[in-house]
Structures are given as C-alpha cells and as structure tokens.
PDB file of all heavy atoms in Angstrom:
ATOM      1  N   GLU A   1     -28.522   3.639  17.893  1.00  0.00           N
ATOM      2  CA  GLU A   1     -29.477   2.752  18.555  1.00  0.00           C
ATOM      3  C   GLU A   1     -28.817   1.451  19.000  1.00  0.00           C
ATOM      4  O   GLU A   1     -29.086   0.961  20.117  1.00  0.00           O
ATOM      5  CB  GLU A   1     -30.648   2.449  17.606  1.00  0.00           C
ATOM      6  CG  GLU A   1     -31.532   3.662  17.337  1.00  0.00           C
ATOM      7  CD  GLU A   1     -32.534   3.428  16.230  1.00  0.00           C
ATOM      8  OE1 GLU A   1     -32.461   2.384  15.542  1.00  0.00           O
ATOM      9  OE2 GLU A   1     -33.411   4.297  16.038  1.00  0.00           O
ATOM     10  N   THR A   2     -27.996   0.871  18.125  1.00  0.00           N
ATOM     11  CA  THR A   2     -27.294  -0.362  18.480  1.00  0.00           C
ATOM     12  C   THR A   2     -26.321  -0.146  19.624  1.00  0.00           C
ATOM     13  O   THR A   2     -26.231  -0.949  20.553  1.00  0.00           O
ATOM     14  CB  THR A   2     -26.560  -0.924  17.254  1.00  0.00           C
ATOM     15  OG1 THR A   2     -27.495  -1.134  16.181  1.00  0.00           O
ATOM     16  CG2 THR A   2     -25.878  -2.251  17.581  1.00  0.00           C
ATOM     17  N   ARG A   3     -25.598   0.967  19.571  1.00  0.00           N
ATOM     18  CA  ARG A   3     -24.666   1.309  20.663  1.00  0.00           C
ATOM     19  C   ARG A   3     -25.399   1.419  21.977  1.00  0.00           C
ATOM     20  O   ARG A   3     -24.977   0.837  22.997  1.00  0.00           O
ATOM     21  CB  ARG A   3     -23.958   2.628  20.356  1.00  0.00           C
ATOM     22  CG  ARG A   3     -23.042   3.138  21.448  1.00  0.00           C
ATOM     23  CD  ARG A   3     -22.826   4.625  21.330  1.00  0.00           C
ATOM     24  NE  ARG A   3     -24.084   5.357  21.426  1.00  0.00           N
ATOM     25  CZ  ARG A   3     -24.373   6.459  20.746  1.00  0.00           C
ATOM     26  NH1 ARG A   3     -23.500   7.018  19.926  1.00  0.00           N
ATOM     27  NH2 ARG A   3     -25.542   7.041  20.908  1.00  0.00           N
ATOM     28  N   ASP A   4     -26.515   2.131  22.003  1.00  0.00           N
ATOM     29  CA  ASP A   4     -27.267   2.343  23.237  1.00  0.00           C
ATOM     30  C   ASP A   4     -27.802   1.015  23.779  1.00  0.00           C
ATOM     31  O   ASP A   4     -27.761   0.766  24.992  1.00  0.00           O
ATOM     32  CB  ASP A   4     -28.404   3.323  23.025  1.00  0.00           C
ATOM     33  CG  ASP A   4     -27.910   4.730  22.718  1.00  0.00           C
ATOM     34  OD1 ASP A   4     -26.714   5.002  22.950  1.00  0.00           O
ATOM     35  OD2 ASP A   4     -28.731   5.557  22.258  1.00  0.00           O
ATOM     36  N   LEU A   5     -28.299   0.171  22.870  1.00  0.00           N
ATOM     37  CA  LEU A   5     -28.853  -1.122  23.278  1.00  0.00           C
ATOM     38  C   LEU A   5     -27.770  -2.004  23.922  1.00  0.00           C
ATOM     39  O   LEU A   5     -27.972  -2.587  25.000  1.00  0.00           O
ATOM     40  CB  LEU A   5     -29.470  -1.817  22.084  1.00  0.00           C
ATOM     41  CG  LEU A   5     -30.099  -3.191  22.322  1.00  0.00           C
ATOM     42  CD1 LEU A   5     -31.320  -3.070  23.231  1.00  0.00           C
ATOM     43  CD2 LEU A   5     -30.501  -3.859  20.996  1.00  0.00           C
ATOM     44  N   LEU A   6     -26.629  -2.086  23.252  1.00  0.00           N
ATOM     45  CA  LEU A   6     -25.559  -2.936  23.758  1.00  0.00           C
ATOM     46  C   LEU A   6     -24.889  -2.322  24.991  1.00  0.00           C
ATOM     47  O   LEU A   6     -24.515  -3.074  25.932  1.00  0.00           O
ATOM     48  CB  LEU A   6     -24.519  -3.177  22.665  1.00  0.00           C
ATOM     49  CG  LEU A   6     -24.990  -4.018  21.491  1.00  0.00           C
ATOM     50  CD1 LEU A   6     -23.918  -4.107  20.416  1.00  0.00           C
ATOM     51  CD2 LEU A   6     -25.414  -5.414  21.923  1.00  0.00           C
ATOM     52  N   ALA A   7     -24.768  -1.016  25.025  1.00  0.00           N
ATOM     53  CA  ALA A   7     -24.127  -0.373  26.185  1.00  0.00           C
ATOM     54  C   ALA A   7     -24.973  -0.537  27.431  1.00  0.00           C
ATOM     55  O   ALA A   7     -24.430  -0.632  28.550  1.00  0.00           O
ATOM     56  CB  ALA A   7     -23.904   1.099  25.893  1.00  0.00           C
ATOM     57  N   ALA A   8     -26.286  -0.623  27.280  1.00  0.00           N
ATOM     58  CA  ALA A   8     -27.153  -0.843  28.430  1.00  0.00           C
ATOM     59  C   ALA A   8     -26.918  -2.233  29.035  1.00  0.00           C
ATOM     60  O   ALA A   8     -27.004  -2.439  30.246  1.00  0.00           O
ATOM     61  CB  ALA A   8     -28.630  -0.692  28.031  1.00  0.00           C
ATOM     62  N   ALA A   9     -26.619  -3.200  28.157  1.00  0.00           N
ATOM     63  CA  ALA A   9     -26.378  -4.565  28.636  1.00  0.00           C
ATOM     64  C   ALA A   9     -24.947  -4.800  29.060  1.00  0.00           C
ATOM     65  O   ALA A   9     -24.672  -5.660  29.900  1.00  0.00           O
ATOM     66  CB  ALA A   9     -26.749  -5.565  27.514  1.00  0.00           C
ATOM     67  N   PHE A  10     -24.028  -3.999  28.498  1.00  0.00           N
ATOM     68  CA  PHE A  10     -22.588  -4.180  28.767  1.00  0.00           C
ATOM     69  C   PHE A  10     -21.958  -2.812  29.047  1.00  0.00           C
ATOM     70  O   PHE A  10     -21.192  -2.294  28.235  1.00  0.00           O
ATOM     71  CB  PHE A  10     -21.893  -4.855  27.570  1.00  0.00           C
ATOM     72  CG  PHE A  10     -22.490  -6.174  27.162  1.00  0.00           C
ATOM     73  CD1 PHE A  10     -23.445  -6.224  26.178  1.00  0.00           C
ATOM     74  CD2 PHE A  10     -22.087  -7.350  27.804  1.00  0.00           C
ATOM     75  CE1 PHE A  10     -24.007  -7.452  25.791  1.00  0.00           C
ATOM     76  CE2 PHE A  10     -22.640  -8.581  27.413  1.00  0.00           C
ATOM     77  CZ  PHE A  10     -23.611  -8.622  26.422  1.00  0.00           C
ATOM     78  N   PRO A  11     -22.269  -2.220  30.184  1.00  0.00           N
ATOM     79  CA  PRO A  11     -21.810  -0.861  30.484  1.00  0.00           C
ATOM     80  C   PRO A  11     -20.276  -0.741  30.434  1.00  0.00           C
ATOM     81  O   PRO A  11     -19.546  -1.599  30.916  1.00  0.00           O
ATOM     82  CB  PRO A  11     -22.315  -0.624  31.910  1.00  0.00           C
ATOM     83  CG  PRO A  11     -23.414  -1.598  32.110  1.00  0.00           C
ATOM     84  CD  PRO A  11     -23.056  -2.815  31.301  1.00  0.00           C
ATOM     85  N   GLY A  12     -19.832   0.349  29.781  1.00  0.00           N
ATOM     86  CA  GLY A  12     -18.424   0.643  29.734  1.00  0.00           C
ATOM     87  C   GLY A  12     -17.599  -0.171  28.741  1.00  0.00           C
ATOM     88  O   GLY A  12     -16.400  -0.017  28.680  1.00  0.00           O
ATOM     89  N   ARG A  13     -18.266  -1.010  27.981  1.00  0.00           N
ATOM     90  CA  ARG A  13     -17.534  -1.893  27.063  1.00  0.00           C
ATOM     91  C   ARG A  13     -17.909  -1.721  25.596  1.00  0.00           C
ATOM     92  O   ARG A  13     -17.517  -2.514  24.761  1.00  0.00           O
ATOM     93  CB  ARG A  13     -17.730  -3.353  27.486  1.00  0.00           C
ATOM     94  CG  ARG A  13     -17.063  -3.674  28.821  1.00  0.00           C
ATOM     95  CD  ARG A  13     -17.506  -5.014  29.362  1.00  0.00           C
ATOM     96  NE  ARG A  13     -17.392  -6.044  28.343  1.00  0.00           N
ATOM     97  CZ  ARG A  13     -18.100  -7.201  28.385  1.00  0.00           C
ATOM     98  NH1 ARG A  13     -18.963  -7.411  29.362  1.00  0.00           N
ATOM     99  NH2 ARG A  13     -17.943  -8.095  27.439  1.00  0.00           N
ATOM    100  N   VAL A  14     -18.661  -0.646  25.296  1.00  0.00           N
ATOM    101  CA  VAL A  14     -19.130  -0.434  23.923  1.00  0.00           C
ATOM    102  C   VAL A  14     -18.819   1.004  23.506  1.00  0.00           C
ATOM    103  O   VAL A  14     -19.084   1.944  24.270  1.00  0.00           O
ATOM    104  CB  VAL A  14     -20.641  -0.686  23.798  1.00  0.00           C
ATOM    105  CG1 VAL A  14     -21.097  -0.503  22.348  1.00  0.00           C
ATOM    106  CG2 VAL A  14     -21.026  -2.077  24.313  1.00  0.00           C
ATOM    107  N   TRP A  15     -18.272   1.153  22.320  1.00  0.00           N
ATOM    108  CA  TRP A  15     -17.980   2.474  21.744  1.00  0.00           C
ATOM    109  C   TRP A  15     -18.410   2.422  20.296  1.00  0.00           C
ATOM    110  O   TRP A  15     -18.483   1.333  19.688  1.00  0.00           O
ATOM    111  CB  TRP A  15     -16.499   2.788  21.864  1.00  0.00           C
ATOM    112  CG  TRP A  15     -16.098   4.190  21.511  1.00  0.00           C
ATOM    113  CD1 TRP A  15     -15.328   4.589  20.452  1.00  0.00           C
ATOM    114  CD2 TRP A  15     -16.418   5.391  22.214  1.00  0.00           C
ATOM    115  NE1 TRP A  15     -15.162   5.949  20.445  1.00  0.00           N
ATOM    116  CE2 TRP A  15     -15.833   6.467  21.537  1.00  0.00           C
ATOM    117  CE3 TRP A  15     -17.173   5.634  23.376  1.00  0.00           C
ATOM    118  CZ2 TRP A  15     -15.952   7.769  21.963  1.00  0.00           C
ATOM    119  CZ3 TRP A  15     -17.276   6.936  23.815  1.00  0.00           C
ATOM    120  CH2 TRP A  15     -16.674   7.995  23.100  1.00  0.00           C
ATOM    121  N   ALA A  16     -18.745   3.544  19.717  1.00  0.00           N
ATOM    122  CA  ALA A  16     -19.199   3.569  18.319  1.00  0.00           C
ATOM    123  C   ALA A  16     -18.554   4.722  17.570  1.00  0.00           C
ATOM    124  O   ALA A  16     -18.404   5.815  18.127  1.00  0.00           O
ATOM    125  CB  ALA A  16     -20.721   3.688  18.251  1.00  0.00           C
ATOM    126  N   VAL A  17     -18.190   4.450  16.319  1.00  0.00           N
ATOM    127  CA  VAL A  17     -17.611   5.476  15.438  1.00  0.00           C
ATOM    128  C   VAL A  17     -18.262   5.342  14.078  1.00  0.00           C
ATOM    129  O   VAL A  17     -18.184   4.269  13.459  1.00  0.00           O
ATOM    130  CB  VAL A  17     -16.074   5.277  15.277  1.00  0.00           C
ATOM    131  CG1 VAL A  17     -15.513   6.357  14.351  1.00  0.00           C
ATOM    132  CG2 VAL A  17     -15.380   5.324  16.650  1.00  0.00           C
ATOM    133  N   PRO A  18     -18.938   6.378  13.583  1.00  0.00           N
ATOM    134  CA  PRO A  18     -19.506   6.283  12.245  1.00  0.00           C
ATOM    135  C   PRO A  18     -18.410   5.978  11.210  1.00  0.00           C
ATOM    136  O   PRO A  18     -17.338   6.565  11.267  1.00  0.00           O
ATOM    137  CB  PRO A  18     -20.117   7.672  12.011  1.00  0.00           C
ATOM    138  CG  PRO A  18     -20.356   8.217  13.395  1.00  0.00           C
ATOM    139  CD  PRO A  18     -19.222   7.669  14.225  1.00  0.00           C
ATOM    140  N   CYS A  19     -18.706   5.077  10.307  1.00  0.00           N
ATOM    141  CA  CYS A  19     -17.677   4.687   9.322  1.00  0.00           C
ATOM    142  C   CYS A  19     -18.305   4.183   8.036  1.00  0.00           C
ATOM    143  O   CYS A  19     -19.055   3.209   8.042  1.00  0.00           O
ATOM    144  CB  CYS A  19     -16.754   3.621   9.890  1.00  0.00           C
ATOM    145  SG  CYS A  19     -15.460   3.122   8.743  1.00  0.00           S
ATOM    146  N   ASP A  20     -17.984   4.848   6.945  1.00  0.00           N
ATOM    147  CA  ASP A  20     -18.288   4.373   5.600  1.00  0.00           C
ATOM    148  C   ASP A  20     -17.012   3.742   5.065  1.00  0.00           C
ATOM    149  O   ASP A  20     -16.002   4.423   4.877  1.00  0.00           O
ATOM    150  CB  ASP A  20     -18.704   5.588   4.741  1.00  0.00           C
ATOM    151  CG  ASP A  20     -18.959   5.230   3.298  1.00  0.00           C
ATOM    152  OD1 ASP A  20     -18.683   4.068   2.871  1.00  0.00           O
ATOM    153  OD2 ASP A  20     -19.436   6.105   2.542  1.00  0.00           O
ATOM    154  N   VAL A  21     -17.061   2.434   4.816  1.00  0.00           N
ATOM    155  CA  VAL A  21     -15.825   1.734   4.450  1.00  0.00           C
ATOM    156  C   VAL A  21     -15.313   2.083   3.060  1.00  0.00           C
ATOM    157  O   VAL A  21     -14.201   1.685   2.673  1.00  0.00           O
ATOM    158  CB  VAL A  21     -15.992   0.216   4.573  1.00  0.00           C
ATOM    159  CG1 VAL A  21     -16.322  -0.183   6.016  1.00  0.00           C
ATOM    160  CG2 VAL A  21     -17.022  -0.330   3.589  1.00  0.00           C
ATOM    161  N   THR A  22     -16.083   2.866   2.301  1.00  0.00           N
ATOM    162  CA  THR A  22     -15.604   3.338   1.007  1.00  0.00           C
ATOM    163  C   THR A  22     -14.790   4.620   1.143  1.00  0.00           C
ATOM    164  O   THR A  22     -14.231   5.114   0.145  1.00  0.00           O
ATOM    165  CB  THR A  22     -16.745   3.595   0.022  1.00  0.00           C
ATOM    166  OG1 THR A  22     -17.530   4.721   0.456  1.00  0.00           O
ATOM    167  CG2 THR A  22     -17.650   2.389  -0.108  1.00  0.00           C
ATOM    168  N   ASP A  23     -14.693   5.147   2.358  1.00  0.00           N
ATOM    169  CA  ASP A  23     -14.001   6.406   2.637  1.00  0.00           C
ATOM    170  C   ASP A  23     -12.763   6.116   3.460  1.00  0.00           C
ATOM    171  O   ASP A  23     -12.847   5.743   4.642  1.00  0.00           O
ATOM    172  CB  ASP A  23     -14.963   7.341   3.388  1.00  0.00           C
ATOM    173  CG  ASP A  23     -14.368   8.710   3.697  1.00  0.00           C
ATOM    174  OD1 ASP A  23     -13.118   8.860   3.657  1.00  0.00           O
ATOM    175  OD2 ASP A  23     -15.152   9.619   4.026  1.00  0.00           O
ATOM    176  N   GLU A  24     -11.584   6.277   2.874  1.00  0.00           N
ATOM    177  CA  GLU A  24     -10.330   5.947   3.569  1.00  0.00           C
ATOM    178  C   GLU A  24     -10.164   6.763   4.851  1.00  0.00           C
ATOM    179  O   GLU A  24      -9.709   6.246   5.874  1.00  0.00           O
ATOM    180  CB  GLU A  24      -9.144   6.180   2.625  1.00  0.00           C
ATOM    181  CG  GLU A  24      -7.791   6.061   3.272  1.00  0.00           C
ATOM    182  CD  GLU A  24      -7.502   4.661   3.823  1.00  0.00           C
ATOM    183  OE1 GLU A  24      -8.141   3.691   3.374  1.00  0.00           O
ATOM    184  OE2 GLU A  24      -6.629   4.549   4.712  1.00  0.00           O
ATOM    185  N   ALA A  25     -10.564   8.023   4.832  1.00  0.00           N
ATOM    186  CA  ALA A  25     -10.426   8.850   6.023  1.00  0.00           C
ATOM    187  C   ALA A  25     -11.335   8.331   7.140  1.00  0.00           C
ATOM    188  O   ALA A  25     -10.957   8.318   8.319  1.00  0.00           O
ATOM    189  CB  ALA A  25     -10.759  10.312   5.717  1.00  0.00           C
ATOM    190  N   ALA A  26     -12.540   7.886   6.778  1.00  0.00           N
ATOM    191  CA  ALA A  26     -13.464   7.341   7.765  1.00  0.00           C
ATOM    192  C   ALA A  26     -12.922   6.057   8.368  1.00  0.00           C
ATOM    193  O   ALA A  26     -13.078   5.811   9.548  1.00  0.00           O
ATOM    194  CB  ALA A  26     -14.838   7.110   7.146  1.00  0.00           C
ATOM    195  N   VAL A  27     -12.294   5.232   7.540  1.00  0.00           N
ATOM    196  CA  VAL A  27     -11.690   3.988   8.055  1.00  0.00           C
ATOM    197  C   VAL A  27     -10.580   4.314   9.046  1.00  0.00           C
ATOM    198  O   VAL A  27     -10.477   3.682  10.114  1.00  0.00           O
ATOM    199  CB  VAL A  27     -11.160   3.144   6.870  1.00  0.00           C
ATOM    200  CG1 VAL A  27     -10.293   2.001   7.387  1.00  0.00           C
ATOM    201  CG2 VAL A  27     -12.320   2.609   6.034  1.00  0.00           C
ATOM    202  N   ARG A  28      -9.765   5.292   8.720  1.00  0.00           N
ATOM    203  CA  ARG A  28      -8.691   5.682   9.645  1.00  0.00           C
ATOM    204  C   ARG A  28      -9.273   6.201  10.973  1.00  0.00           C
ATOM    205  O   ARG A  28      -8.721   5.930  12.042  1.00  0.00           O
ATOM    206  CB  ARG A  28      -7.783   6.732   8.997  1.00  0.00           C
ATOM    207  CG  ARG A  28      -6.881   6.203   7.911  1.00  0.00           C
ATOM    208  CD  ARG A  28      -5.744   7.164   7.613  1.00  0.00           C
ATOM    209  NE  ARG A  28      -6.221   8.465   7.175  1.00  0.00           N
ATOM    210  CZ  ARG A  28      -6.401   8.804   5.892  1.00  0.00           C
ATOM    211  NH1 ARG A  28      -6.143   7.940   4.923  1.00  0.00           N
ATOM    212  NH2 ARG A  28      -6.829  10.009   5.575  1.00  0.00           N
ATOM    213  N   ARG A  29     -10.390   6.923  10.872  1.00  0.00           N
ATOM    214  CA  ARG A  29     -11.025   7.425  12.111  1.00  0.00           C
ATOM    215  C   ARG A  29     -11.559   6.275  12.953  1.00  0.00           C
ATOM    216  O   ARG A  29     -11.506   6.328  14.196  1.00  0.00           O
ATOM    217  CB  ARG A  29     -12.150   8.392  11.757  1.00  0.00           C
ATOM    218  CG  ARG A  29     -11.681   9.779  11.309  1.00  0.00           C
ATOM    219  CD  ARG A  29     -12.807  10.791  11.290  1.00  0.00           C
ATOM    220  NE  ARG A  29     -13.850  10.467  10.324  1.00  0.00           N
ATOM    221  CZ  ARG A  29     -13.826  10.861   9.054  1.00  0.00           C
ATOM    222  NH1 ARG A  29     -12.811  11.595   8.586  1.00  0.00           N
ATOM    223  NH2 ARG A  29     -14.798  10.537   8.219  1.00  0.00           N
ATOM    224  N   LEU A  30     -12.078   5.248  12.315  1.00  0.00           N
ATOM    225  CA  LEU A  30     -12.606   4.093  13.063  1.00  0.00           C
ATOM    226  C   LEU A  30     -11.477   3.400  13.828  1.00  0.00           C
ATOM    227  O   LEU A  30     -11.583   3.161  15.040  1.00  0.00           O
ATOM    228  CB  LEU A  30     -13.278   3.101  12.109  1.00  0.00           C
ATOM    229  CG  LEU A  30     -13.728   1.784  12.718  1.00  0.00           C
ATOM    230  CD1 LEU A  30     -14.792   1.999  13.787  1.00  0.00           C
ATOM    231  CD2 LEU A  30     -14.241   0.842  11.620  1.00  0.00           C
TER     232      LEU A  30
END
C-alpha cells in the first residue's frame, strides 16, 4: 500500500522489497 501510494506521486522512483530485519537472508535480499 505504501509503495503504491508513493509510486503514484513519484513515478519510477519507488521500489519495495519485503524484509524482516531479524532474517539475514531477507536483509541480503533487500
């Protein structure tokens, strides 16, 4: 929802990656 809201206001400048900061693999993916 946040990505879509911001991307509508700033097209082409917003990307999102799910990330749980307690998960080292997820941090690397981010």
